[in-house]
Amino acid sequence: MIFETSLRKDSSNMDMKIGNSLPDITLKNQDNELVTLHDFIGKNPLVIYFYPKDETPGCIREACTFRDQFENFTEIGAQVFGVSSDSVSSHKRFATKYRLNFQLLSDPDKKAEKAFEVPRRLLGLLPGRVTYVFDKKGQLIHEFNSSLYPAKHIREAMEALKKAS
């Protein structure tokens, strides 16, 4: 049994909620290039998914499902980003091995995890698996949190983007 728990403070305004703005975060991608998420506001809807670790079964399945559906996301103008605390070099190996066609962002200091208020699981020991969908204006239109169904994140994100367009 997996226990979902959050390390957030007891403040009701701490959660990312529908309508919240995209956090202003800059991280390095698997090619060691800086990516500033705010640069996409006004240009593209964003799908930003947080995952626990490169090379783990659920994360491989999730990344490969995003890869296989990537064309569907680009057809509606969306950019996809995977985020974990793994290093740039780990992301490079992971992206190369599985031929990932989207960017993986390295968050070693967990600044993005904190800014997005990603809940942790297993008594706060493990990073969560959460997908956030933002419209072109940078407003949160959908959030999906499930560690048990990694491939479902892709379907949820696509449905939210189609509904918003």
N, C-alpha and C. Protein backbone atom coordinates (compact mmCIF):
# COMPACT_ATOMS: atom_id res chain seq x y z
N MET A 1 0.84 -1.19 0.00
CA MET A 1 0.00 0.00 0.00
C MET A 1 0.88 1.24 0.00
N ILE A 2 0.56 2.19 -0.84
CA ILE A 2 1.31 3.44 -0.92
C ILE A 2 0.52 4.51 -0.20
N PHE A 3 1.20 5.24 0.66
CA PHE A 3 0.56 6.31 1.39
C PHE A 3 0.93 7.63 0.73
N GLU A 4 -0.06 8.40 0.34
CA GLU A 4 0.17 9.73 -0.23
C GLU A 4 0.11 10.73 0.92
N THR A 5 1.10 11.58 0.99
CA THR A 5 1.12 12.57 2.04
C THR A 5 1.79 13.84 1.53
N SER A 6 1.50 14.90 2.12
CA SER A 6 2.04 16.18 1.69
C SER A 6 2.86 16.79 2.81
N LEU A 7 3.92 17.49 2.43
CA LEU A 7 4.73 18.20 3.42
C LEU A 7 4.37 19.68 3.49
N ARG A 8 3.26 20.02 2.90
CA ARG A 8 2.85 21.43 2.90
C ARG A 8 2.44 21.89 4.28
N LYS A 9 2.55 23.20 4.46
CA LYS A 9 2.10 23.79 5.71
C LYS A 9 0.58 23.78 5.75
N ASP A 10 0.02 23.99 6.90
CA ASP A 10 -1.44 23.98 7.06
C ASP A 10 -2.07 25.28 6.60
N SER A 11 -1.75 25.68 5.41
CA SER A 11 -2.34 26.89 4.86
C SER A 11 -3.10 26.53 3.61
N SER A 12 -4.37 26.88 3.55
CA SER A 12 -5.19 26.49 2.42
C SER A 12 -4.77 27.18 1.14
N ASN A 13 -4.01 28.26 1.22
CA ASN A 13 -3.59 28.92 -0.01
C ASN A 13 -2.22 28.44 -0.50
N MET A 14 -1.69 27.38 0.07
CA MET A 14 -0.39 26.86 -0.34
C MET A 14 -0.49 25.93 -1.54
N ASP A 15 -1.64 25.36 -1.83
CA ASP A 15 -1.78 24.41 -2.91
C ASP A 15 -1.83 25.12 -4.26
N MET A 16 -1.25 24.47 -5.27
CA MET A 16 -1.47 24.94 -6.65
C MET A 16 -2.93 24.66 -6.94
N LYS A 17 -3.62 25.66 -7.40
CA LYS A 17 -5.04 25.52 -7.70
C LYS A 17 -5.30 25.95 -9.14
N ILE A 18 -6.38 25.43 -9.69
CA ILE A 18 -6.78 25.83 -11.04
C ILE A 18 -6.87 27.35 -11.09
N GLY A 19 -6.27 27.93 -12.10
CA GLY A 19 -6.23 29.39 -12.24
C GLY A 19 -4.94 30.02 -11.76
N ASN A 20 -4.14 29.28 -10.96
CA ASN A 20 -2.86 29.81 -10.50
C ASN A 20 -1.93 30.04 -11.69
N SER A 21 -1.00 30.96 -11.52
CA SER A 21 -0.03 31.27 -12.56
C SER A 21 1.16 30.32 -12.54
N LEU A 22 1.73 30.14 -13.71
CA LEU A 22 2.93 29.33 -13.87
C LEU A 22 4.06 29.92 -13.03
N PRO A 23 4.69 29.11 -12.16
CA PRO A 23 5.83 29.63 -11.41
C PRO A 23 6.98 30.04 -12.34
N ASP A 24 7.70 31.06 -11.96
CA ASP A 24 8.83 31.56 -12.75
C ASP A 24 10.07 30.76 -12.37
N ILE A 25 10.35 29.75 -13.15
CA ILE A 25 11.44 28.81 -12.85
C ILE A 25 12.35 28.68 -14.07
N THR A 26 13.65 28.61 -13.81
CA THR A 26 14.64 28.32 -14.85
C THR A 26 15.45 27.11 -14.38
N LEU A 27 15.51 26.08 -15.23
CA LEU A 27 16.24 24.85 -14.94
C LEU A 27 17.05 24.44 -16.16
N LYS A 28 18.03 23.57 -15.96
CA LYS A 28 18.81 23.03 -17.07
C LYS A 28 18.12 21.79 -17.63
N ASN A 29 18.15 21.68 -18.97
CA ASN A 29 17.60 20.49 -19.60
C ASN A 29 18.69 19.44 -19.78
N GLN A 30 18.35 18.33 -20.44
CA GLN A 30 19.28 17.22 -20.60
C GLN A 30 20.50 17.59 -21.47
N ASP A 31 20.41 18.70 -22.19
CA ASP A 31 21.54 19.16 -22.99
C ASP A 31 22.33 20.27 -22.29
N ASN A 32 22.07 20.45 -21.00
CA ASN A 32 22.75 21.43 -20.16
C ASN A 32 22.43 22.87 -20.57
N GLU A 33 21.27 23.07 -21.20
CA GLU A 33 20.82 24.39 -21.61
C GLU A 33 19.79 24.89 -20.61
N LEU A 34 19.83 26.20 -20.33
CA LEU A 34 18.85 26.78 -19.41
C LEU A 34 17.50 26.93 -20.11
N VAL A 35 16.45 26.53 -19.42
CA VAL A 35 15.08 26.65 -19.92
C VAL A 35 14.30 27.46 -18.89
N THR A 36 13.73 28.58 -19.34
CA THR A 36 12.90 29.41 -18.48
C THR A 36 11.46 29.20 -18.89
N LEU A 37 10.67 28.64 -18.00
CA LEU A 37 9.29 28.30 -18.32
C LEU A 37 8.46 29.53 -18.71
N HIS A 38 8.73 30.67 -18.09
CA HIS A 38 7.97 31.89 -18.41
C HIS A 38 8.16 32.33 -19.86
N ASP A 39 9.24 31.88 -20.51
CA ASP A 39 9.47 32.23 -21.91
C ASP A 39 8.37 31.68 -22.83
N PHE A 40 7.61 30.70 -22.35
CA PHE A 40 6.58 30.07 -23.17
C PHE A 40 5.21 30.73 -23.00
N ILE A 41 5.08 31.61 -22.00
CA ILE A 41 3.79 32.30 -21.80
C ILE A 41 3.48 33.14 -23.03
N GLY A 42 2.25 33.01 -23.49
CA GLY A 42 1.81 33.72 -24.68
C GLY A 42 2.13 32.98 -25.97
N LYS A 43 2.89 31.89 -25.87
CA LYS A 43 3.29 31.14 -27.06
C LYS A 43 2.68 29.74 -27.10
N ASN A 44 2.82 29.01 -26.00
CA ASN A 44 2.41 27.61 -25.99
C ASN A 44 1.73 27.21 -24.69
N PRO A 45 0.74 26.32 -24.77
CA PRO A 45 0.30 25.65 -23.55
C PRO A 45 1.46 24.74 -23.08
N LEU A 46 1.53 24.49 -21.80
CA LEU A 46 2.60 23.67 -21.25
C LEU A 46 2.05 22.49 -20.48
N VAL A 47 2.70 21.35 -20.66
CA VAL A 47 2.46 20.16 -19.85
C VAL A 47 3.76 19.93 -19.11
N ILE A 48 3.70 20.06 -17.80
CA ILE A 48 4.89 19.89 -16.96
C ILE A 48 4.60 18.76 -15.99
N TYR A 49 5.34 17.67 -16.18
CA TYR A 49 5.10 16.54 -15.29
C TYR A 49 6.31 16.27 -14.42
N PHE A 50 6.05 16.10 -13.15
CA PHE A 50 7.07 15.77 -12.16
C PHE A 50 7.05 14.27 -11.95
N TYR A 51 8.22 13.67 -11.94
CA TYR A 51 8.32 12.23 -11.76
C TYR A 51 9.46 11.93 -10.78
N PRO A 52 9.40 10.77 -10.12
CA PRO A 52 10.38 10.49 -9.06
C PRO A 52 11.83 10.30 -9.52
N LYS A 53 12.07 9.45 -10.54
CA LYS A 53 13.47 9.10 -10.82
C LYS A 53 13.63 8.49 -12.21
N ASP A 54 14.69 8.90 -12.90
CA ASP A 54 15.03 8.27 -14.17
C ASP A 54 15.26 6.77 -13.95
N GLU A 55 14.95 6.01 -14.98
CA GLU A 55 15.24 4.57 -15.02
C GLU A 55 14.47 3.71 -14.01
N THR A 56 13.36 4.21 -13.51
CA THR A 56 12.51 3.36 -12.67
C THR A 56 11.30 2.95 -13.52
N PRO A 57 10.71 1.80 -13.24
CA PRO A 57 9.67 1.26 -14.14
C PRO A 57 8.52 2.22 -14.45
N GLY A 58 7.93 2.83 -13.44
CA GLY A 58 6.81 3.75 -13.68
C GLY A 58 7.24 4.98 -14.46
N CYS A 59 8.43 5.47 -14.18
CA CYS A 59 8.93 6.67 -14.86
C CYS A 59 9.29 6.38 -16.31
N ILE A 60 9.80 5.19 -16.58
CA ILE A 60 10.07 4.78 -17.96
C ILE A 60 8.76 4.70 -18.73
N ARG A 61 7.77 4.06 -18.14
CA ARG A 61 6.46 3.92 -18.80
C ARG A 61 5.84 5.29 -19.09
N GLU A 62 5.90 6.19 -18.10
CA GLU A 62 5.33 7.53 -18.26
C GLU A 62 6.06 8.29 -19.37
N ALA A 63 7.39 8.31 -19.33
CA ALA A 63 8.19 9.05 -20.31
C ALA A 63 7.96 8.50 -21.72
N CYS A 64 7.94 7.18 -21.85
CA CYS A 64 7.76 6.58 -23.17
C CYS A 64 6.34 6.81 -23.70
N THR A 65 5.37 6.90 -22.82
CA THR A 65 4.00 7.19 -23.27
C THR A 65 3.92 8.64 -23.73
N PHE A 66 4.55 9.57 -23.01
CA PHE A 66 4.62 10.96 -23.49
C PHE A 66 5.34 11.00 -24.84
N ARG A 67 6.43 10.25 -24.96
CA ARG A 67 7.17 10.20 -26.24
C ARG A 67 6.25 9.74 -27.38
N ASP A 68 5.53 8.66 -27.13
CA ASP A 68 4.68 8.08 -28.17
C ASP A 68 3.50 8.96 -28.54
N GLN A 69 3.08 9.82 -27.63
CA GLN A 69 1.96 10.73 -27.89
C GLN A 69 2.41 12.16 -28.19
N PHE A 70 3.72 12.36 -28.28
CA PHE A 70 4.28 13.70 -28.42
C PHE A 70 3.71 14.45 -29.62
N GLU A 71 3.54 13.77 -30.74
CA GLU A 71 3.00 14.42 -31.93
C GLU A 71 1.60 14.99 -31.68
N ASN A 72 0.80 14.28 -30.90
CA ASN A 72 -0.54 14.78 -30.56
C ASN A 72 -0.46 16.07 -29.76
N PHE A 73 0.52 16.17 -28.87
CA PHE A 73 0.70 17.39 -28.09
C PHE A 73 1.18 18.54 -28.98
N THR A 74 2.14 18.25 -29.86
CA THR A 74 2.66 19.32 -30.71
C THR A 74 1.62 19.79 -31.73
N GLU A 75 0.73 18.91 -32.15
CA GLU A 75 -0.33 19.31 -33.08
C GLU A 75 -1.23 20.40 -32.50
N ILE A 76 -1.38 20.40 -31.17
CA ILE A 76 -2.19 21.45 -30.55
C ILE A 76 -1.32 22.56 -29.94
N GLY A 77 -0.02 22.52 -30.28
CA GLY A 77 0.89 23.59 -29.89
C GLY A 77 1.50 23.47 -28.51
N ALA A 78 1.27 22.38 -27.83
CA ALA A 78 1.76 22.24 -26.45
C ALA A 78 3.23 21.82 -26.39
N GLN A 79 3.91 22.31 -25.38
CA GLN A 79 5.27 21.90 -25.05
C GLN A 79 5.19 20.97 -23.84
N VAL A 80 5.98 19.90 -23.85
CA VAL A 80 6.01 18.92 -22.76
C VAL A 80 7.37 18.98 -22.08
N PHE A 81 7.35 19.00 -20.75
CA PHE A 81 8.58 18.97 -19.96
C PHE A 81 8.43 17.94 -18.85
N GLY A 82 9.43 17.09 -18.68
CA GLY A 82 9.51 16.20 -17.54
C GLY A 82 10.49 16.79 -16.55
N VAL A 83 10.17 16.73 -15.24
CA VAL A 83 11.03 17.32 -14.21
C VAL A 83 11.26 16.31 -13.10
N SER A 84 12.53 16.14 -12.74
CA SER A 84 12.88 15.36 -11.55
C SER A 84 14.16 15.94 -10.97
N SER A 85 14.55 15.44 -9.82
CA SER A 85 15.77 15.94 -9.17
C SER A 85 17.02 15.27 -9.71
N ASP A 86 16.88 14.37 -10.69
CA ASP A 86 18.05 13.73 -11.28
C ASP A 86 18.95 14.77 -11.96
N SER A 87 20.22 14.43 -12.11
CA SER A 87 21.20 15.34 -12.71
C SER A 87 20.99 15.49 -14.22
N VAL A 88 21.62 16.50 -14.77
CA VAL A 88 21.58 16.73 -16.21
C VAL A 88 22.12 15.49 -16.94
N SER A 89 23.22 14.93 -16.46
CA SER A 89 23.81 13.76 -17.13
C SER A 89 22.90 12.54 -17.04
N SER A 90 22.21 12.36 -15.93
CA SER A 90 21.25 11.26 -15.80
C SER A 90 20.11 11.44 -16.80
N HIS A 91 19.62 12.68 -16.90
CA HIS A 91 18.55 12.98 -17.86
C HIS A 91 19.02 12.73 -19.29
N LYS A 92 20.26 13.08 -19.59
CA LYS A 92 20.80 12.87 -20.94
C LYS A 92 20.80 11.38 -21.28
N ARG A 93 21.29 10.55 -20.36
CA ARG A 93 21.31 9.10 -20.59
C ARG A 93 19.89 8.56 -20.77
N PHE A 94 18.97 9.00 -19.91
CA PHE A 94 17.57 8.56 -19.93
C PHE A 94 16.91 8.96 -21.25
N ALA A 95 17.09 10.22 -21.65
CA ALA A 95 16.48 10.72 -22.89
C ALA A 95 17.04 10.01 -24.11
N THR A 96 18.33 9.75 -24.10
CA THR A 96 18.97 9.07 -25.23
C THR A 96 18.54 7.61 -25.31
N LYS A 97 18.57 6.93 -24.19
CA LYS A 97 18.22 5.50 -24.16
C LYS A 97 16.80 5.24 -24.65
N TYR A 98 15.86 6.11 -24.27
CA TYR A 98 14.46 5.90 -24.61
C TYR A 98 13.98 6.81 -25.76
N ARG A 99 14.94 7.48 -26.43
CA ARG A 99 14.63 8.35 -27.58
C ARG A 99 13.51 9.34 -27.26
N LEU A 100 13.66 10.01 -26.14
CA LEU A 100 12.64 10.98 -25.73
C LEU A 100 12.72 12.21 -26.61
N ASN A 101 11.58 12.70 -27.04
CA ASN A 101 11.50 13.80 -27.99
C ASN A 101 10.99 15.09 -27.32
N PHE A 102 11.14 15.18 -26.03
CA PHE A 102 10.78 16.37 -25.27
C PHE A 102 11.87 16.60 -24.25
N GLN A 103 11.82 17.75 -23.60
CA GLN A 103 12.89 18.12 -22.68
C GLN A 103 12.66 17.59 -21.26
N LEU A 104 13.74 17.13 -20.67
CA LEU A 104 13.75 16.76 -19.25
C LEU A 104 14.50 17.86 -18.53
N LEU A 105 13.94 18.33 -17.43
CA LEU A 105 14.54 19.41 -16.66
C LEU A 105 15.06 18.88 -15.33
N SER A 106 16.27 19.28 -15.00
CA SER A 106 16.93 18.84 -13.78
C SER A 106 16.64 19.82 -12.64
N ASP A 107 16.14 19.28 -11.54
CA ASP A 107 15.75 20.10 -10.37
C ASP A 107 16.45 19.58 -9.12
N PRO A 108 17.80 19.59 -9.11
CA PRO A 108 18.53 18.99 -7.99
C PRO A 108 18.28 19.65 -6.64
N ASP A 109 17.99 20.95 -6.65
CA ASP A 109 17.73 21.68 -5.40
C ASP A 109 16.25 21.69 -5.03
N LYS A 110 15.44 21.04 -5.87
CA LYS A 110 13.99 20.93 -5.65
C LYS A 110 13.29 22.30 -5.63
N LYS A 111 13.88 23.31 -6.31
CA LYS A 111 13.24 24.63 -6.33
C LYS A 111 11.95 24.59 -7.14
N ALA A 112 11.92 23.83 -8.23
CA ALA A 112 10.68 23.71 -9.01
C ALA A 112 9.65 22.89 -8.24
N GLU A 113 10.10 21.81 -7.62
CA GLU A 113 9.18 20.97 -6.82
C GLU A 113 8.50 21.81 -5.75
N LYS A 114 9.26 22.69 -5.12
CA LYS A 114 8.69 23.56 -4.07
C LYS A 114 7.78 24.63 -4.69
N ALA A 115 8.21 25.23 -5.79
CA ALA A 115 7.41 26.30 -6.42
C ALA A 115 6.07 25.76 -6.93
N PHE A 116 6.07 24.54 -7.43
CA PHE A 116 4.84 23.93 -7.93
C PHE A 116 4.06 23.24 -6.80
N GLU A 117 4.68 23.19 -5.62
CA GLU A 117 4.05 22.57 -4.44
C GLU A 117 3.67 21.12 -4.71
N VAL A 118 4.62 20.39 -5.30
CA VAL A 118 4.41 18.97 -5.60
C VAL A 118 4.36 18.20 -4.29
N PRO A 119 3.27 17.50 -4.03
CA PRO A 119 3.20 16.72 -2.80
C PRO A 119 4.16 15.54 -2.84
N ARG A 120 4.71 15.22 -1.71
CA ARG A 120 5.61 14.06 -1.60
C ARG A 120 4.79 12.88 -1.10
N ARG A 121 5.33 11.69 -1.26
CA ARG A 121 4.60 10.49 -0.85
C ARG A 121 5.47 9.61 0.03
N LEU A 122 4.88 8.59 0.53
CA LEU A 122 5.53 7.64 1.45
C LEU A 122 6.15 8.41 2.62
N LEU A 123 5.27 9.05 3.37
CA LEU A 123 5.64 9.82 4.56
C LEU A 123 6.63 10.94 4.25
N GLY A 124 6.53 11.50 3.04
CA GLY A 124 7.38 12.61 2.65
C GLY A 124 8.76 12.24 2.17
N LEU A 125 9.03 10.94 2.02
CA LEU A 125 10.36 10.49 1.62
C LEU A 125 10.58 10.48 0.12
N LEU A 126 9.51 10.28 -0.65
CA LEU A 126 9.64 10.15 -2.10
C LEU A 126 8.97 11.31 -2.83
N PRO A 127 9.58 11.73 -3.93
CA PRO A 127 8.95 12.78 -4.73
C PRO A 127 7.65 12.27 -5.33
N GLY A 128 6.73 13.18 -5.54
CA GLY A 128 5.44 12.81 -6.10
C GLY A 128 5.47 12.72 -7.62
N ARG A 129 4.37 12.19 -8.16
CA ARG A 129 4.18 12.11 -9.61
C ARG A 129 2.93 12.94 -9.91
N VAL A 130 3.16 14.16 -10.40
CA VAL A 130 2.08 15.10 -10.65
C VAL A 130 2.29 15.73 -12.01
N THR A 131 1.19 15.88 -12.75
CA THR A 131 1.23 16.56 -14.04
C THR A 131 0.40 17.84 -13.94
N TYR A 132 1.00 18.94 -14.39
CA TYR A 132 0.34 20.24 -14.42
C TYR A 132 0.18 20.66 -15.87
N VAL A 133 -1.00 21.17 -16.21
CA VAL A 133 -1.27 21.65 -17.56
C VAL A 133 -1.61 23.15 -17.46
N PHE A 134 -0.85 23.96 -18.21
CA PHE A 134 -1.04 25.41 -18.23
C PHE A 134 -1.47 25.83 -19.63
N ASP A 135 -2.38 26.79 -19.69
CA ASP A 135 -2.80 27.33 -20.99
C ASP A 135 -1.74 28.30 -21.50
N LYS A 136 -1.95 28.86 -22.69
CA LYS A 136 -0.99 29.78 -23.30
C LYS A 136 -0.74 31.02 -22.44
N LYS A 137 -1.71 31.38 -21.61
CA LYS A 137 -1.55 32.56 -20.76
C LYS A 137 -0.76 32.24 -19.48
N GLY A 138 -0.40 30.97 -19.30
CA GLY A 138 0.35 30.58 -18.11
C GLY A 138 -0.52 30.31 -16.90
N GLN A 139 -1.81 30.03 -17.13
CA GLN A 139 -2.74 29.73 -16.04
C GLN A 139 -2.93 28.22 -15.92
N LEU A 140 -2.92 27.71 -14.71
CA LEU A 140 -3.12 26.28 -14.48
C LEU A 140 -4.55 25.90 -14.84
N ILE A 141 -4.70 24.95 -15.77
CA ILE A 141 -6.04 24.51 -16.17
C ILE A 141 -6.33 23.08 -15.73
N HIS A 142 -5.28 22.33 -15.32
CA HIS A 142 -5.51 20.95 -14.89
C HIS A 142 -4.31 20.46 -14.09
N GLU A 143 -4.61 19.64 -13.09
CA GLU A 143 -3.57 18.99 -12.28
C GLU A 143 -4.00 17.55 -12.06
N PHE A 144 -3.06 16.64 -12.24
CA PHE A 144 -3.36 15.23 -12.02
C PHE A 144 -2.25 14.63 -11.17
N ASN A 145 -2.62 13.98 -10.07
CA ASN A 145 -1.67 13.43 -9.11
C ASN A 145 -1.96 11.96 -8.92
N SER A 146 -1.08 11.10 -9.42
CA SER A 146 -1.25 9.67 -9.23
C SER A 146 0.07 8.96 -9.42
N SER A 147 0.53 8.28 -8.39
CA SER A 147 1.74 7.47 -8.50
C SER A 147 1.43 6.09 -9.04
N LEU A 148 0.18 5.67 -8.90
CA LEU A 148 -0.18 4.31 -9.29
C LEU A 148 -0.44 4.16 -10.78
N TYR A 149 -0.76 5.25 -11.48
CA TYR A 149 -1.13 5.16 -12.90
C TYR A 149 -0.31 6.15 -13.73
N PRO A 150 1.00 5.87 -13.93
CA PRO A 150 1.84 6.83 -14.63
C PRO A 150 1.37 7.14 -16.05
N ALA A 151 0.88 6.16 -16.80
CA ALA A 151 0.47 6.39 -18.18
C ALA A 151 -0.81 7.23 -18.26
N LYS A 152 -1.61 7.24 -17.20
CA LYS A 152 -2.85 8.00 -17.20
C LYS A 152 -2.59 9.51 -17.23
N HIS A 153 -1.40 9.93 -16.82
CA HIS A 153 -1.06 11.35 -16.83
C HIS A 153 -1.14 11.93 -18.24
N ILE A 154 -0.77 11.12 -19.22
CA ILE A 154 -0.75 11.58 -20.59
C ILE A 154 -2.18 11.81 -21.09
N ARG A 155 -3.05 10.86 -20.83
CA ARG A 155 -4.45 10.98 -21.25
C ARG A 155 -5.13 12.17 -20.57
N GLU A 156 -4.88 12.34 -19.27
CA GLU A 156 -5.46 13.47 -18.53
C GLU A 156 -4.99 14.80 -19.11
N ALA A 157 -3.69 14.90 -19.41
CA ALA A 157 -3.14 16.15 -19.95
C ALA A 157 -3.74 16.46 -21.32
N MET A 158 -3.85 15.45 -22.17
CA MET A 158 -4.39 15.66 -23.52
C MET A 158 -5.86 16.08 -23.44
N GLU A 159 -6.63 15.43 -22.58
CA GLU A 159 -8.04 15.79 -22.43
C GLU A 159 -8.19 17.24 -21.95
N ALA A 160 -7.34 17.66 -21.01
CA ALA A 160 -7.41 19.03 -20.48
C ALA A 160 -7.07 20.04 -21.58
N LEU A 161 -6.08 19.75 -22.41
CA LEU A 161 -5.69 20.66 -23.48
C LEU A 161 -6.79 20.76 -24.54
N LYS A 162 -7.38 19.64 -24.88
CA LYS A 162 -8.46 19.64 -25.88
C LYS A 162 -9.67 20.41 -25.37
N LYS A 163 -9.97 20.24 -24.10
CA LYS A 163 -11.12 20.91 -23.50
C LYS A 163 -10.89 22.44 -23.47
N ALA A 164 -9.66 22.85 -23.25
CA ALA A 164 -9.33 24.27 -23.15
C ALA A 164 -9.27 24.96 -24.51
N SER A 165 -9.08 24.18 -25.57
CA SER A 165 -8.92 24.82 -26.89
C SER A 165 -10.24 24.95 -27.64
